Each structure stands twice: as C-alpha cells, then as structure tokens.
N, C-alpha and C. Protein backbone atom coordinates (compact mmCIF):
# COMPACT_ATOMS: atom_id res chain seq x y z
N MET A 1 50.86 80.59 80.69
CA MET A 1 49.84 79.56 80.72
C MET A 1 49.11 79.56 81.60
N LEU A 2 50.16 80.13 83.06
CA LEU A 2 49.51 79.68 84.33
C LEU A 2 48.24 80.55 84.21
N GLU A 3 47.82 81.65 84.30
CA GLU A 3 47.36 82.44 84.49
C GLU A 3 46.00 82.14 83.82
N ASP A 4 45.84 81.19 82.69
CA ASP A 4 44.78 80.29 82.07
C ASP A 4 44.11 79.95 83.42
N LEU A 5 44.63 79.30 84.23
CA LEU A 5 43.90 78.41 85.61
C LEU A 5 43.98 78.87 86.36
N PHE A 6 44.84 79.76 87.06
CA PHE A 6 44.61 80.36 88.04
C PHE A 6 44.45 81.87 88.17
N GLY A 7 44.02 82.61 87.19
CA GLY A 7 43.77 84.03 87.12
C GLY A 7 45.07 84.96 86.55
N SER A 8 44.73 86.45 86.98
CA SER A 8 45.59 86.90 86.76
C SER A 8 46.02 87.73 88.08
N ASN A 9 46.49 87.25 88.93
CA ASN A 9 46.83 87.84 90.10
C ASN A 9 47.97 88.48 90.30
N THR A 10 48.79 89.15 91.10
CA THR A 10 50.25 89.75 91.08
C THR A 10 51.18 88.20 90.67
N LEU A 11 51.13 87.52 91.35
CA LEU A 11 52.25 86.51 91.76
C LEU A 11 51.88 85.87 90.34
N VAL A 12 50.92 85.17 89.74
CA VAL A 12 51.03 84.44 88.63
C VAL A 12 51.37 85.18 87.55
N LYS A 13 51.51 86.19 87.35
CA LYS A 13 51.82 86.72 86.24
C LYS A 13 52.94 87.38 86.26
N VAL A 14 53.99 87.21 87.50
CA VAL A 14 55.15 87.61 87.78
C VAL A 14 55.65 85.96 87.23
N LEU A 15 55.30 84.93 87.60
CA LEU A 15 55.91 83.61 87.98
C LEU A 15 55.61 83.09 85.74
N ASP A 16 54.55 83.78 84.92
CA ASP A 16 54.30 83.75 84.03
C ASP A 16 55.25 84.34 83.22
N PHE A 17 56.05 85.58 83.58
CA PHE A 17 56.52 86.14 82.61
C PHE A 17 57.82 85.46 82.85
N LEU A 18 58.50 84.84 84.16
CA LEU A 18 59.63 84.41 84.85
C LEU A 18 60.25 83.09 83.48
N LEU A 19 58.76 82.11 83.47
CA LEU A 19 59.09 80.99 83.48
C LEU A 19 58.63 81.42 81.47
N GLU A 20 58.16 82.01 80.80
CA GLU A 20 58.05 82.42 79.37
C GLU A 20 59.18 82.96 78.98
N ASN A 21 60.48 83.32 79.75
CA ASN A 21 61.10 84.30 79.56
C ASN A 21 61.77 83.48 80.55
N ARG A 22 62.67 82.50 80.44
CA ARG A 22 63.38 81.98 81.88
C ARG A 22 64.91 81.83 80.89
N PHE A 23 65.02 81.82 80.08
CA PHE A 23 66.80 81.93 79.20
C PHE A 23 67.02 83.52 79.22
N TRP A 24 66.87 84.51 80.15
CA TRP A 24 67.19 86.29 79.85
C TRP A 24 66.64 86.13 81.17
N ASP A 25 67.85 87.53 81.72
CA ASP A 25 67.54 88.15 82.94
C ASP A 25 66.89 89.32 82.66
N TYR A 26 65.97 89.83 84.04
CA TYR A 26 65.86 91.25 83.84
C TYR A 26 66.15 91.76 84.98
N THR A 27 65.81 93.66 85.43
CA THR A 27 65.70 93.94 86.38
C THR A 27 64.58 93.76 86.89
N LYS A 28 64.22 94.70 88.28
CA LYS A 28 62.38 94.43 88.85
C LYS A 28 61.93 95.30 87.99
N THR A 29 62.25 96.72 87.58
CA THR A 29 61.55 97.30 86.91
C THR A 29 61.43 96.72 85.75
N ASP A 30 61.92 95.91 85.33
CA ASP A 30 62.14 94.86 83.98
C ASP A 30 60.90 93.94 83.52
N ILE A 31 60.99 93.27 84.91
CA ILE A 31 59.40 92.44 85.47
C ILE A 31 58.49 92.56 85.34
N SER A 32 58.72 94.27 86.68
CA SER A 32 56.79 94.54 86.92
C SER A 32 56.71 94.61 85.35
N LYS A 33 57.31 95.71 84.77
CA LYS A 33 56.27 96.27 83.35
C LYS A 33 56.23 95.47 82.57
N HIS A 34 57.20 94.15 82.12
CA HIS A 34 56.61 92.65 80.72
C HIS A 34 55.46 92.20 81.75
N SER A 35 55.52 91.98 83.33
CA SER A 35 54.39 91.24 83.86
C SER A 35 53.03 92.29 83.82
N GLY A 36 53.23 93.60 83.14
CA GLY A 36 51.77 94.50 83.17
C GLY A 36 51.35 94.64 84.66
N ILE A 37 52.03 94.86 85.52
CA ILE A 37 52.07 95.35 87.05
C ILE A 37 53.02 96.28 87.30
N SER A 38 52.62 97.09 88.42
CA SER A 38 53.31 98.08 88.90
C SER A 38 54.08 97.51 89.94
N ARG A 39 55.75 98.38 90.22
CA ARG A 39 56.65 97.83 90.77
C ARG A 39 56.17 97.22 92.39
N THR A 40 55.03 98.62 92.81
CA THR A 40 54.36 98.26 94.37
C THR A 40 54.37 97.63 94.49
N GLN A 41 53.06 96.74 92.98
CA GLN A 41 52.78 95.21 93.37
C GLN A 41 53.68 94.04 93.35
N LEU A 42 55.12 94.09 92.76
CA LEU A 42 55.80 93.77 92.15
C LEU A 42 56.72 93.35 94.01
N TYR A 43 56.69 94.19 94.46
CA TYR A 43 57.48 94.15 95.57
C TYR A 43 56.71 93.34 96.96
N ARG A 44 55.32 93.68 96.44
CA ARG A 44 54.18 92.77 97.36
C ARG A 44 54.83 90.98 97.81
N VAL A 45 55.19 90.88 96.04
CA VAL A 45 54.84 89.09 96.25
C VAL A 45 56.97 88.83 96.02
N TRP A 46 57.35 89.98 96.22
CA TRP A 46 58.92 89.51 95.64
C TRP A 46 59.73 88.70 97.20
N ASP A 47 59.38 88.70 98.32
CA ASP A 47 60.16 88.12 99.16
C ASP A 47 59.46 87.18 99.21
N GLN A 48 58.40 86.74 98.65
CA GLN A 48 57.88 85.13 98.96
C GLN A 48 59.08 84.64 97.63
N ILE A 49 58.41 85.26 96.37
CA ILE A 49 59.19 84.63 95.03
C ILE A 49 60.99 84.61 95.92
N LEU A 50 61.65 85.22 96.41
CA LEU A 50 62.92 84.69 96.83
C LEU A 50 62.75 83.89 98.48
N GLU A 51 62.25 83.93 98.98
CA GLU A 51 61.86 82.84 100.23
C GLU A 51 61.54 81.47 99.47
N ASN A 52 60.90 81.15 98.06
CA ASN A 52 60.96 80.02 97.88
C ASN A 52 61.84 79.61 96.68
N GLY A 53 62.69 80.84 96.57
CA GLY A 53 63.92 80.58 95.53
C GLY A 53 63.64 79.92 94.13
N LEU A 54 62.32 80.68 93.74
CA LEU A 54 61.95 81.10 92.34
C LEU A 54 62.86 81.81 91.24
N VAL A 55 63.53 82.48 92.14
CA VAL A 55 64.46 83.59 90.46
C VAL A 55 66.17 83.38 90.99
N LYS A 56 66.76 83.66 90.41
CA LYS A 56 67.99 83.75 90.86
C LYS A 56 68.42 85.00 90.58
N GLU A 57 69.43 85.44 91.51
CA GLU A 57 70.68 86.52 91.07
C GLU A 57 71.55 86.44 89.64
N THR A 58 71.55 86.89 89.01
CA THR A 58 72.84 86.61 87.14
C THR A 58 73.63 87.29 87.69
N ARG A 59 73.33 88.82 87.47
CA ARG A 59 74.84 89.56 87.44
C ARG A 59 73.93 91.26 88.06
N LYS A 60 75.31 92.04 88.09
CA LYS A 60 75.25 93.01 88.63
C LYS A 60 75.37 94.24 87.57
N ILE A 61 74.59 95.32 86.78
CA ILE A 61 75.23 96.21 86.31
C ILE A 61 75.26 97.48 87.49
N GLY A 62 76.47 97.79 87.76
CA GLY A 62 76.09 98.70 89.05
C GLY A 62 75.62 98.56 90.23
N ALA A 63 74.66 99.19 90.29
CA ALA A 63 73.99 98.85 91.78
C ALA A 63 72.73 98.20 91.34
N THR A 64 72.33 97.47 90.16
CA THR A 64 70.68 97.16 89.34
C THR A 64 71.22 95.56 89.70
N ILE A 65 70.67 94.73 90.19
CA ILE A 65 70.74 93.43 89.78
C ILE A 65 69.27 93.00 89.13
N LEU A 66 70.11 91.93 88.25
CA LEU A 66 69.45 91.52 87.62
C LEU A 66 68.90 90.18 88.03
N TYR A 67 67.42 89.56 87.63
CA TYR A 67 67.32 88.10 88.28
C TYR A 67 66.60 87.00 87.08
N GLN A 68 66.39 86.04 86.96
CA GLN A 68 66.35 85.13 86.24
C GLN A 68 65.45 83.90 86.77
N ALA A 69 64.82 83.44 86.09
CA ALA A 69 63.29 82.43 86.98
C ALA A 69 64.83 81.18 87.19
N ASN A 70 64.75 80.57 88.44
CA ASN A 70 65.49 80.07 89.13
C ASN A 70 64.86 78.36 88.86
N MET A 71 65.83 77.72 87.81
CA MET A 71 64.84 76.34 87.14
C MET A 71 66.01 75.51 87.78
N ASP A 72 66.57 75.82 88.41
CA ASP A 72 67.25 74.32 89.29
C ASP A 72 66.06 74.28 90.57
N SER A 73 65.11 74.99 90.97
CA SER A 73 63.91 74.90 91.69
C SER A 73 63.19 73.92 91.72
N PRO A 74 62.86 72.56 92.58
CA PRO A 74 61.67 72.12 92.14
C PRO A 74 60.17 72.71 91.82
N ILE A 75 60.17 73.44 92.83
CA ILE A 75 58.96 74.54 92.51
C ILE A 75 58.51 75.00 91.00
N MET A 76 60.07 75.57 90.34
CA MET A 76 59.52 76.27 89.46
C MET A 76 59.91 75.34 87.89
N LYS A 77 60.67 74.24 88.18
CA LYS A 77 60.58 73.11 87.18
C LYS A 77 59.08 71.98 87.19
N ASN A 78 58.00 72.36 88.62
CA ASN A 78 57.09 71.40 88.55
C ASN A 78 56.02 72.84 87.64
N LEU A 79 56.33 74.16 87.95
CA LEU A 79 55.46 74.97 87.59
C LEU A 79 56.13 75.02 86.15
N GLU A 80 56.94 74.82 85.81
CA GLU A 80 57.29 74.49 84.19
C GLU A 80 56.21 73.77 83.16
N LYS A 81 56.44 72.54 84.18
CA LYS A 81 55.70 71.59 83.78
C LYS A 81 54.18 71.98 83.75
N LEU A 82 53.90 72.75 84.27
CA LEU A 82 52.32 72.77 84.65
C LEU A 82 51.79 73.71 83.18
N SER A 83 52.78 74.40 83.45
CA SER A 83 52.40 75.60 82.37
C SER A 83 52.91 74.47 80.88
N MET A 84 53.36 74.00 80.65
CA MET A 84 53.58 73.43 79.41
C MET A 84 52.31 72.25 79.68
N THR A 85 51.71 71.76 80.41
CA THR A 85 50.20 71.01 80.47
C THR A 85 49.14 71.54 80.26
N ILE A 86 49.11 72.70 80.38
CA ILE A 86 48.28 73.62 80.49
C ILE A 86 47.94 74.22 78.70
N ALA A 87 49.10 74.74 78.30
CA ALA A 87 49.48 75.04 76.38
C ALA A 87 49.52 73.02 75.94
N ASP A 88 49.65 72.68 76.27
CA ASP A 88 49.18 71.50 75.55
C ASP A 88 47.77 71.33 75.19
N GLU A 89 47.30 71.52 76.73
CA GLU A 89 45.72 71.16 76.63
C GLU A 89 44.89 72.37 75.73
N LYS A 90 45.35 73.55 75.39
CA LYS A 90 44.95 74.92 75.03
C LYS A 90 45.05 74.54 73.76
N ASN A 91 46.17 73.99 73.24
CA ASN A 91 45.96 73.69 71.92
C ASN A 91 45.55 72.40 70.83
N ARG A 92 45.69 71.36 72.01
CA ARG A 92 44.76 70.67 71.52
C ARG A 92 43.42 70.78 71.42
N LYS A 93 42.70 71.61 72.24
CA LYS A 93 41.42 72.14 71.98
C LYS A 93 41.14 73.49 71.19
N ILE A 94 41.98 73.65 70.25
CA ILE A 94 42.52 74.69 69.37
C ILE A 94 42.01 73.74 68.09
N LEU A 95 43.12 72.71 68.34
CA LEU A 95 43.09 72.12 67.29
C LEU A 95 41.89 71.17 66.96
N GLN A 96 41.50 70.67 67.78
CA GLN A 96 39.89 70.40 67.38
C GLN A 96 39.23 70.82 67.11
N GLU A 97 39.16 72.17 67.43
CA GLU A 97 37.59 72.91 66.84
C GLU A 97 38.01 73.00 65.58
N GLU A 98 39.10 73.63 65.00
CA GLU A 98 40.12 73.99 63.32
C GLU A 98 39.23 72.70 62.83
N SER A 99 39.69 71.52 63.33
CA SER A 99 39.35 69.87 62.04
C SER A 99 38.01 70.01 61.90
N VAL A 100 37.35 70.33 63.09
CA VAL A 100 35.88 70.49 63.27
C VAL A 100 35.22 70.92 62.01
N GLU A 101 36.09 72.50 62.11
CA GLU A 101 35.27 73.30 61.21
C GLU A 101 36.17 72.98 59.80
N ILE A 102 37.41 72.41 59.46
CA ILE A 102 37.61 71.74 58.10
C ILE A 102 36.64 71.06 57.37
N GLU A 103 36.02 70.09 58.62
CA GLU A 103 35.51 69.10 58.04
C GLU A 103 34.22 69.25 57.56
N VAL A 104 33.73 70.49 58.12
CA VAL A 104 32.37 70.51 57.39
C VAL A 104 32.48 71.60 55.98
N PRO A 105 31.62 70.19 54.93
CA PRO A 105 31.43 70.69 54.21
C PRO A 105 30.78 72.00 53.21
N ALA A 106 31.48 72.60 52.66
CA ALA A 106 31.12 73.92 52.20
C ALA A 106 30.13 73.70 51.91
C-alpha cells in the first residue's frame, strides 16, 4: 500500500513487503525476490533498514539469517497505520464507484 502513495522505489517495495508479511520471517534473498528487486538493490537500502530498526533477526538456519518486520519499532507501527489508512481510503473509493455503478438503472 505504501507504493500507492510513495511510488515504487526500492525502500518502499521492501517496506511494503515486510508490512504485508509481518507475521513471517524471510532471508534477504526471499525479501528481494518477493519485493521484486535485485539483491544488489536490497543491499543498497539494507543498512538504512537496520539502522532504523525496521527489521529484527528471528533465527538462523546454518549461516543464513532470517528477518521479520520489527513491529516493536515506532517507525514500523506508524508505517503500518499509514498503510492501513491508504488501504481503507482505496477501498472506500472502490466501494463508492461500485455503488454508483449499481445504482444506475438498467
């Protein structure tokens, strides 16, 4: 939903993915794949994500670290609220358009 407001830059794509999938953990490879970006693009924003506490390590599988959205972070909490507000507004507009279409006599 953040992409609807902020466009589709790398950081926004990653944050959107993390928020939409906040209950599960992912490797960096999975995050880049499901966000629709390359690993190189992910690594360009990863330090910024870590420095702002937007993700947390959840577990290790061998040498692989899995990450999850850090919903204890005030930033992520506010981004989640913003994302929900964007979704609500988008859905409200869709419902209004559908009700107009339904009210038109056949």
